[in-house]
């Protein structure tokens, strides 16, 4: 009997970060700097960076990387940041980007969903798997 070998295309982290420092997640330059450094920690190649500040205080941005993307939307008024990190390839370390970003944003409660994308058994019929976990009241 032939053993099935699962292969994947990428890892996608969907992060709900609560209790973030409003002064950090409301500052476009700080958010951009933190996510740029997070990309470096993930060992990915940055292609383009685009961030925008929404009145009165939110920040949205995306870093297009050779391996896919890193994006964020923030709501400083409630201390919340929605972070999305998707990477493909064998060399990226997206979990390092997640850990760095939530620590730098000062998150006190983090809910993470990891989606393994493009899973297939050699038949090129793709599906995904989902794992979700929470880090509660932890100093990141």
N, C-alpha and C. Protein backbone atom coordinates (compact mmCIF):
# COMPACT_ATOMS: atom_id res chain seq x y z
N UNK A 1 0.84 -1.18 0.00
CA UNK A 1 0.00 0.00 0.00
C UNK A 1 0.89 1.25 0.00
N UNK A 2 0.60 2.16 -0.88
CA UNK A 2 1.37 3.38 -0.99
C UNK A 2 1.02 4.33 0.16
N UNK A 3 2.05 4.88 0.80
CA UNK A 3 1.84 5.83 1.90
C UNK A 3 1.49 7.20 1.32
N UNK A 4 0.45 7.82 1.88
CA UNK A 4 0.07 9.16 1.44
C UNK A 4 1.04 10.18 2.03
N UNK A 5 1.49 11.08 1.20
CA UNK A 5 2.37 12.15 1.64
C UNK A 5 1.61 13.46 1.44
N UNK A 6 1.36 14.16 2.53
CA UNK A 6 0.65 15.44 2.44
C UNK A 6 1.66 16.54 2.14
N UNK A 7 1.35 17.36 1.16
CA UNK A 7 2.18 18.53 0.89
C UNK A 7 1.28 19.76 1.03
N UNK A 8 1.92 20.90 1.30
CA UNK A 8 1.16 22.13 1.50
C UNK A 8 1.77 23.25 0.67
N UNK A 9 0.96 24.27 0.45
CA UNK A 9 1.42 25.44 -0.28
C UNK A 9 1.85 26.54 0.68
N UNK A 10 1.09 26.74 1.78
CA UNK A 10 1.44 27.83 2.67
C UNK A 10 0.80 27.77 4.04
N UNK A 11 1.27 28.68 4.91
CA UNK A 11 0.75 28.83 6.26
C UNK A 11 0.13 30.21 6.39
N UNK A 12 -1.08 30.26 6.94
CA UNK A 12 -1.81 31.51 7.06
C UNK A 12 -2.21 31.69 8.53
N UNK A 13 -1.70 32.75 9.15
CA UNK A 13 -2.03 33.04 10.55
C UNK A 13 -3.00 34.22 10.58
N UNK A 14 -4.12 34.01 11.23
CA UNK A 14 -5.13 35.05 11.43
C UNK A 14 -5.10 35.35 12.92
N UNK A 15 -4.74 36.59 13.27
CA UNK A 15 -4.47 36.94 14.66
C UNK A 15 -5.41 38.04 15.13
N UNK A 16 -6.10 37.79 16.23
CA UNK A 16 -6.93 38.77 16.92
C UNK A 16 -6.15 39.18 18.16
N UNK A 17 -5.60 40.38 18.18
CA UNK A 17 -4.78 40.85 19.30
C UNK A 17 -5.54 41.91 20.09
N UNK A 18 -5.86 41.59 21.34
CA UNK A 18 -6.61 42.50 22.21
C UNK A 18 -5.69 43.06 23.28
N UNK A 19 -6.10 44.19 23.85
CA UNK A 19 -5.32 44.81 24.92
C UNK A 19 -4.04 45.46 24.43
N UNK A 20 -3.99 45.77 23.14
CA UNK A 20 -2.79 46.40 22.57
C UNK A 20 -2.65 47.83 23.07
N UNK A 21 -1.41 48.31 23.07
CA UNK A 21 -1.12 49.67 23.47
C UNK A 21 -1.65 50.63 22.39
N UNK A 22 -2.65 51.47 22.73
CA UNK A 22 -3.23 52.37 21.73
C UNK A 22 -2.23 53.35 21.13
N UNK A 23 -1.24 53.76 21.90
CA UNK A 23 -0.23 54.70 21.38
C UNK A 23 0.65 54.05 20.32
N UNK A 24 0.80 52.75 20.41
CA UNK A 24 1.61 52.03 19.41
C UNK A 24 0.76 51.71 18.18
N UNK A 25 -0.40 51.09 18.38
CA UNK A 25 -1.19 50.66 17.22
C UNK A 25 -1.91 51.82 16.53
N UNK A 26 -1.86 53.00 17.12
CA UNK A 26 -2.42 54.19 16.48
C UNK A 26 -1.39 55.03 15.75
N UNK A 27 -0.14 54.61 15.83
CA UNK A 27 0.96 55.35 15.23
C UNK A 27 1.41 54.63 13.95
N UNK A 28 1.14 55.24 12.81
CA UNK A 28 1.43 54.59 11.53
C UNK A 28 2.89 54.17 11.39
N UNK A 29 3.81 55.02 11.82
CA UNK A 29 5.23 54.70 11.68
C UNK A 29 5.63 53.52 12.57
N UNK A 30 5.10 53.50 13.80
CA UNK A 30 5.42 52.38 14.71
C UNK A 30 4.86 51.07 14.19
N UNK A 31 3.62 51.09 13.71
CA UNK A 31 3.00 49.88 13.18
C UNK A 31 3.80 49.37 11.98
N UNK A 32 4.15 50.27 11.07
CA UNK A 32 4.92 49.89 9.89
C UNK A 32 6.28 49.33 10.29
N UNK A 33 6.95 49.99 11.22
CA UNK A 33 8.27 49.51 11.67
C UNK A 33 8.19 48.13 12.31
N UNK A 34 7.16 47.92 13.14
CA UNK A 34 7.01 46.63 13.81
C UNK A 34 6.74 45.52 12.81
N UNK A 35 5.85 45.76 11.85
CA UNK A 35 5.56 44.70 10.87
C UNK A 35 6.71 44.48 9.90
N UNK A 36 7.47 45.51 9.61
CA UNK A 36 8.66 45.33 8.77
C UNK A 36 9.67 44.45 9.49
N UNK A 37 9.88 44.72 10.77
CA UNK A 37 10.79 43.89 11.58
C UNK A 37 10.23 42.47 11.72
N UNK A 38 8.91 42.34 11.85
CA UNK A 38 8.29 41.01 11.94
C UNK A 38 8.57 40.22 10.65
N UNK A 39 8.53 40.90 9.51
CA UNK A 39 8.84 40.24 8.24
C UNK A 39 10.29 39.75 8.23
N UNK A 40 11.18 40.56 8.76
CA UNK A 40 12.59 40.15 8.85
C UNK A 40 12.73 38.91 9.74
N UNK A 41 12.01 38.91 10.86
CA UNK A 41 12.08 37.76 11.78
C UNK A 41 11.51 36.50 11.13
N UNK A 42 10.57 36.67 10.20
CA UNK A 42 10.00 35.53 9.49
C UNK A 42 10.89 35.05 8.34
N UNK A 43 11.98 35.77 8.10
CA UNK A 43 12.93 35.45 7.02
C UNK A 43 12.27 35.44 5.64
N UNK A 44 11.48 36.51 5.39
CA UNK A 44 10.82 36.64 4.09
C UNK A 44 11.39 37.84 3.34
N UNK A 45 11.11 37.91 2.06
CA UNK A 45 11.62 38.99 1.21
C UNK A 45 10.54 40.03 0.99
N UNK A 46 10.80 41.26 1.43
CA UNK A 46 9.84 42.35 1.29
C UNK A 46 9.91 42.92 -0.13
N UNK A 47 8.75 43.07 -0.77
CA UNK A 47 8.67 43.68 -2.08
C UNK A 47 8.10 45.10 -2.01
N UNK A 48 6.97 45.27 -1.31
CA UNK A 48 6.30 46.56 -1.26
C UNK A 48 5.69 46.77 0.11
N UNK A 49 5.72 48.02 0.58
CA UNK A 49 5.12 48.39 1.87
C UNK A 49 4.15 49.53 1.62
N UNK A 50 2.91 49.38 2.11
CA UNK A 50 1.91 50.44 1.96
C UNK A 50 1.05 50.50 3.22
N UNK A 51 1.07 51.67 3.89
CA UNK A 51 0.29 51.88 5.11
C UNK A 51 -0.52 53.16 5.00
N UNK A 52 -1.65 53.19 5.69
CA UNK A 52 -2.55 54.34 5.66
C UNK A 52 -3.12 54.56 7.06
N UNK A 53 -3.26 55.81 7.45
CA UNK A 53 -3.86 56.15 8.74
C UNK A 53 -5.28 56.61 8.50
N UNK A 54 -6.22 56.01 9.23
CA UNK A 54 -7.63 56.39 9.14
C UNK A 54 -7.99 57.30 10.30
N UNK A 55 -8.64 58.43 10.03
CA UNK A 55 -9.07 59.31 11.11
C UNK A 55 -10.16 58.62 11.94
N UNK A 56 -10.20 58.72 13.22
CA UNK A 56 -9.28 59.56 13.97
C UNK A 56 -7.97 58.87 14.34
N UNK A 57 -7.90 57.50 14.31
CA UNK A 57 -6.67 56.92 14.84
C UNK A 57 -6.28 55.55 14.30
N UNK A 58 -7.06 54.92 13.48
CA UNK A 58 -6.74 53.57 13.02
C UNK A 58 -5.66 53.53 11.96
N UNK A 59 -5.00 52.39 11.86
CA UNK A 59 -3.95 52.17 10.87
C UNK A 59 -4.27 50.90 10.10
N UNK A 60 -4.12 50.94 8.79
CA UNK A 60 -4.21 49.75 7.94
C UNK A 60 -2.97 49.70 7.09
N UNK A 61 -2.49 48.50 6.85
CA UNK A 61 -1.31 48.39 6.02
C UNK A 61 -1.08 46.98 5.53
N UNK A 62 -0.26 46.92 4.50
CA UNK A 62 0.11 45.63 3.93
C UNK A 62 1.59 45.67 3.55
N UNK A 63 2.23 44.56 3.78
CA UNK A 63 3.58 44.35 3.30
C UNK A 63 3.49 43.18 2.33
N UNK A 64 3.73 43.46 1.07
CA UNK A 64 3.73 42.40 0.07
C UNK A 64 5.12 41.78 0.10
N UNK A 65 5.15 40.49 0.30
CA UNK A 65 6.41 39.75 0.38
C UNK A 65 6.47 38.73 -0.76
N UNK A 66 7.66 38.32 -1.10
CA UNK A 66 7.80 37.33 -2.16
C UNK A 66 7.00 36.07 -1.83
N UNK A 67 6.85 35.79 -0.53
CA UNK A 67 6.17 34.59 -0.07
C UNK A 67 4.67 34.79 0.11
N UNK A 68 4.13 35.98 -0.01
CA UNK A 68 2.71 36.33 0.00
C UNK A 68 2.48 37.69 0.64
N UNK A 69 1.98 37.76 1.91
CA UNK A 69 1.67 39.08 2.49
C UNK A 69 1.60 39.07 4.01
N UNK A 70 1.73 40.27 4.56
CA UNK A 70 1.49 40.56 5.97
C UNK A 70 0.60 41.79 5.98
N UNK A 71 -0.54 41.73 6.67
CA UNK A 71 -1.42 42.89 6.71
C UNK A 71 -1.95 43.13 8.11
N UNK A 72 -2.46 44.35 8.33
CA UNK A 72 -2.98 44.72 9.64
C UNK A 72 -4.06 45.79 9.49
N UNK A 73 -4.99 45.78 10.43
CA UNK A 73 -5.98 46.83 10.62
C UNK A 73 -6.04 47.04 12.13
N UNK A 74 -5.98 48.29 12.58
CA UNK A 74 -6.00 48.55 14.03
C UNK A 74 -7.15 49.46 14.43
N UNK A 75 -7.59 49.28 15.66
CA UNK A 75 -8.61 50.09 16.30
C UNK A 75 -8.06 50.51 17.66
N UNK A 76 -7.23 51.56 17.69
CA UNK A 76 -6.60 51.98 18.95
C UNK A 76 -7.61 52.32 20.05
N UNK A 77 -8.78 52.84 19.66
CA UNK A 77 -9.78 53.22 20.65
C UNK A 77 -10.27 52.05 21.50
N UNK A 78 -10.09 50.83 21.01
CA UNK A 78 -10.47 49.65 21.80
C UNK A 78 -9.27 48.71 22.02
N UNK A 79 -8.07 49.12 21.60
CA UNK A 79 -6.86 48.31 21.81
C UNK A 79 -6.81 47.03 21.01
N UNK A 80 -7.38 47.05 19.82
CA UNK A 80 -7.49 45.83 19.00
C UNK A 80 -6.72 45.95 17.69
N UNK A 81 -6.03 44.87 17.34
CA UNK A 81 -5.35 44.78 16.05
C UNK A 81 -5.70 43.45 15.39
N UNK A 82 -6.10 43.50 14.12
CA UNK A 82 -6.36 42.31 13.32
C UNK A 82 -5.16 42.13 12.39
N UNK A 83 -4.44 41.03 12.58
CA UNK A 83 -3.20 40.79 11.84
C UNK A 83 -3.37 39.54 10.99
N UNK A 84 -2.86 39.60 9.78
CA UNK A 84 -2.98 38.51 8.83
C UNK A 84 -1.60 38.25 8.23
N UNK A 85 -1.08 37.04 8.41
CA UNK A 85 0.25 36.71 7.89
C UNK A 85 0.15 35.41 7.09
N UNK A 86 0.43 35.51 5.80
CA UNK A 86 0.37 34.34 4.93
C UNK A 86 1.71 34.18 4.23
N UNK A 87 2.30 33.01 4.35
CA UNK A 87 3.57 32.74 3.69
C UNK A 87 3.52 31.39 2.99
N UNK A 88 4.28 31.30 1.92
CA UNK A 88 4.48 30.03 1.22
C UNK A 88 5.97 29.74 1.21
N UNK A 89 6.28 28.53 0.86
CA UNK A 89 7.69 28.15 0.77
C UNK A 89 8.16 27.46 2.04
N UNK A 90 9.34 26.87 1.93
CA UNK A 90 9.88 26.07 3.02
C UNK A 90 10.74 26.85 4.00
N UNK A 91 11.13 28.07 3.65
CA UNK A 91 12.08 28.79 4.49
C UNK A 91 11.46 29.84 5.41
N UNK A 92 10.22 30.23 5.15
CA UNK A 92 9.57 31.27 5.95
C UNK A 92 9.24 30.76 7.35
N UNK A 93 9.28 31.67 8.31
CA UNK A 93 8.95 31.36 9.70
C UNK A 93 7.85 32.33 10.17
N UNK A 94 6.63 32.17 9.67
CA UNK A 94 5.56 33.12 9.99
C UNK A 94 5.24 33.20 11.48
N UNK A 95 5.41 32.11 12.19
CA UNK A 95 5.13 32.13 13.63
C UNK A 95 6.05 33.09 14.37
N UNK A 96 7.25 33.31 13.86
CA UNK A 96 8.17 34.28 14.46
C UNK A 96 7.64 35.70 14.26
N UNK A 97 7.04 35.96 13.11
CA UNK A 97 6.44 37.26 12.85
C UNK A 97 5.26 37.51 13.79
N UNK A 98 4.43 36.49 13.98
CA UNK A 98 3.29 36.61 14.89
C UNK A 98 3.77 36.93 16.30
N UNK A 99 4.70 36.13 16.81
CA UNK A 99 5.20 36.32 18.18
C UNK A 99 5.78 37.73 18.37
N UNK A 100 6.56 38.18 17.43
CA UNK A 100 7.19 39.49 17.54
C UNK A 100 6.13 40.60 17.51
N UNK A 101 5.21 40.54 16.58
CA UNK A 101 4.22 41.60 16.43
C UNK A 101 3.33 41.74 17.66
N UNK A 102 2.79 40.64 18.17
CA UNK A 102 1.89 40.76 19.33
C UNK A 102 2.64 41.24 20.57
N UNK A 103 3.90 40.87 20.69
CA UNK A 103 4.70 41.36 21.81
C UNK A 103 4.91 42.87 21.69
N UNK A 104 5.31 43.32 20.52
CA UNK A 104 5.59 44.74 20.30
C UNK A 104 4.33 45.61 20.39
N UNK A 105 3.17 45.06 20.04
CA UNK A 105 1.92 45.82 20.14
C UNK A 105 1.40 45.84 21.57
N UNK A 106 2.00 45.04 22.46
CA UNK A 106 1.60 45.02 23.86
C UNK A 106 0.32 44.24 24.11
N UNK A 107 -0.01 43.30 23.23
CA UNK A 107 -1.25 42.53 23.36
C UNK A 107 -1.27 41.74 24.68
N UNK A 108 -2.44 41.73 25.31
CA UNK A 108 -2.62 40.96 26.55
C UNK A 108 -3.46 39.72 26.34
N UNK A 109 -4.14 39.62 25.23
CA UNK A 109 -4.96 38.46 24.91
C UNK A 109 -4.90 38.27 23.40
N UNK A 110 -4.52 37.07 22.99
CA UNK A 110 -4.35 36.81 21.56
C UNK A 110 -5.10 35.54 21.18
N UNK A 111 -5.90 35.63 20.15
CA UNK A 111 -6.62 34.48 19.59
C UNK A 111 -6.04 34.26 18.20
N UNK A 112 -5.49 33.07 17.96
CA UNK A 112 -4.79 32.79 16.70
C UNK A 112 -5.44 31.61 15.99
N UNK A 113 -5.68 31.79 14.72
CA UNK A 113 -6.11 30.68 13.87
C UNK A 113 -5.01 30.45 12.84
N UNK A 114 -4.53 29.23 12.78
CA UNK A 114 -3.51 28.85 11.80
C UNK A 114 -4.19 28.00 10.74
N UNK A 115 -4.12 28.47 9.51
CA UNK A 115 -4.71 27.74 8.40
C UNK A 115 -3.57 27.23 7.53
N UNK A 116 -3.47 25.94 7.41
CA UNK A 116 -2.48 25.35 6.49
C UNK A 116 -3.19 25.26 5.15
N UNK A 117 -2.67 26.02 4.18
CA UNK A 117 -3.35 26.18 2.89
C UNK A 117 -2.70 25.31 1.82
N UNK A 118 -3.52 24.95 0.85
CA UNK A 118 -3.02 24.20 -0.30
C UNK A 118 -2.54 22.80 0.04
N UNK A 119 -3.19 22.15 1.01
CA UNK A 119 -2.82 20.78 1.36
C UNK A 119 -3.34 19.86 0.26
N UNK A 120 -2.52 18.91 -0.14
CA UNK A 120 -2.98 17.90 -1.10
C UNK A 120 -2.17 16.62 -0.92
N UNK A 121 -2.71 15.56 -1.43
CA UNK A 121 -2.11 14.24 -1.28
C UNK A 121 -1.44 13.78 -2.57
N UNK A 122 -0.93 14.73 -3.34
CA UNK A 122 -0.28 14.40 -4.60
C UNK A 122 -1.25 14.39 -5.77
N UNK A 123 -2.53 14.58 -5.48
CA UNK A 123 -3.54 14.53 -6.54
C UNK A 123 -3.93 15.91 -7.07
N UNK A 124 -3.34 16.96 -6.52
CA UNK A 124 -3.60 18.34 -6.90
C UNK A 124 -5.06 18.76 -6.67
N UNK A 125 -5.69 18.11 -5.71
CA UNK A 125 -6.99 18.53 -5.21
C UNK A 125 -6.67 19.16 -3.85
N UNK A 126 -6.84 20.47 -3.74
CA UNK A 126 -6.36 21.22 -2.58
C UNK A 126 -7.44 21.44 -1.53
N UNK A 127 -7.02 21.43 -0.28
CA UNK A 127 -7.89 21.74 0.85
C UNK A 127 -7.04 22.42 1.92
N UNK A 128 -7.65 22.79 3.03
CA UNK A 128 -6.90 23.42 4.11
C UNK A 128 -7.27 22.77 5.45
N UNK A 129 -6.39 22.96 6.41
CA UNK A 129 -6.66 22.51 7.77
C UNK A 129 -6.61 23.74 8.68
N UNK A 130 -7.35 23.68 9.78
CA UNK A 130 -7.44 24.83 10.68
C UNK A 130 -7.15 24.39 12.12
N UNK A 131 -6.29 25.16 12.78
CA UNK A 131 -6.02 24.99 14.20
C UNK A 131 -6.18 26.35 14.85
N UNK A 132 -6.91 26.40 15.96
CA UNK A 132 -7.13 27.66 16.66
C UNK A 132 -6.72 27.52 18.11
N UNK A 133 -6.07 28.56 18.64
CA UNK A 133 -5.71 28.58 20.05
C UNK A 133 -5.74 30.00 20.58
N UNK A 134 -5.77 30.11 21.89
CA UNK A 134 -5.78 31.41 22.55
C UNK A 134 -4.66 31.50 23.55
N UNK A 135 -4.13 32.69 23.68
CA UNK A 135 -3.17 33.02 24.73
C UNK A 135 -3.86 34.09 25.56
N UNK A 136 -4.20 33.74 26.80
CA UNK A 136 -4.99 34.65 27.63
C UNK A 136 -4.13 35.27 28.72
N UNK A 137 -4.26 36.59 28.86
CA UNK A 137 -3.61 37.33 29.94
C UNK A 137 -2.13 36.99 30.05
N UNK A 138 -1.49 36.90 28.95
CA UNK A 138 -0.07 36.58 28.91
C UNK A 138 0.69 37.82 28.49
N UNK A 139 1.79 38.07 29.11
CA UNK A 139 2.64 39.19 28.69
C UNK A 139 3.52 38.67 27.57
N UNK A 140 3.28 39.13 26.36
CA UNK A 140 4.00 38.62 25.20
C UNK A 140 5.34 39.28 25.04
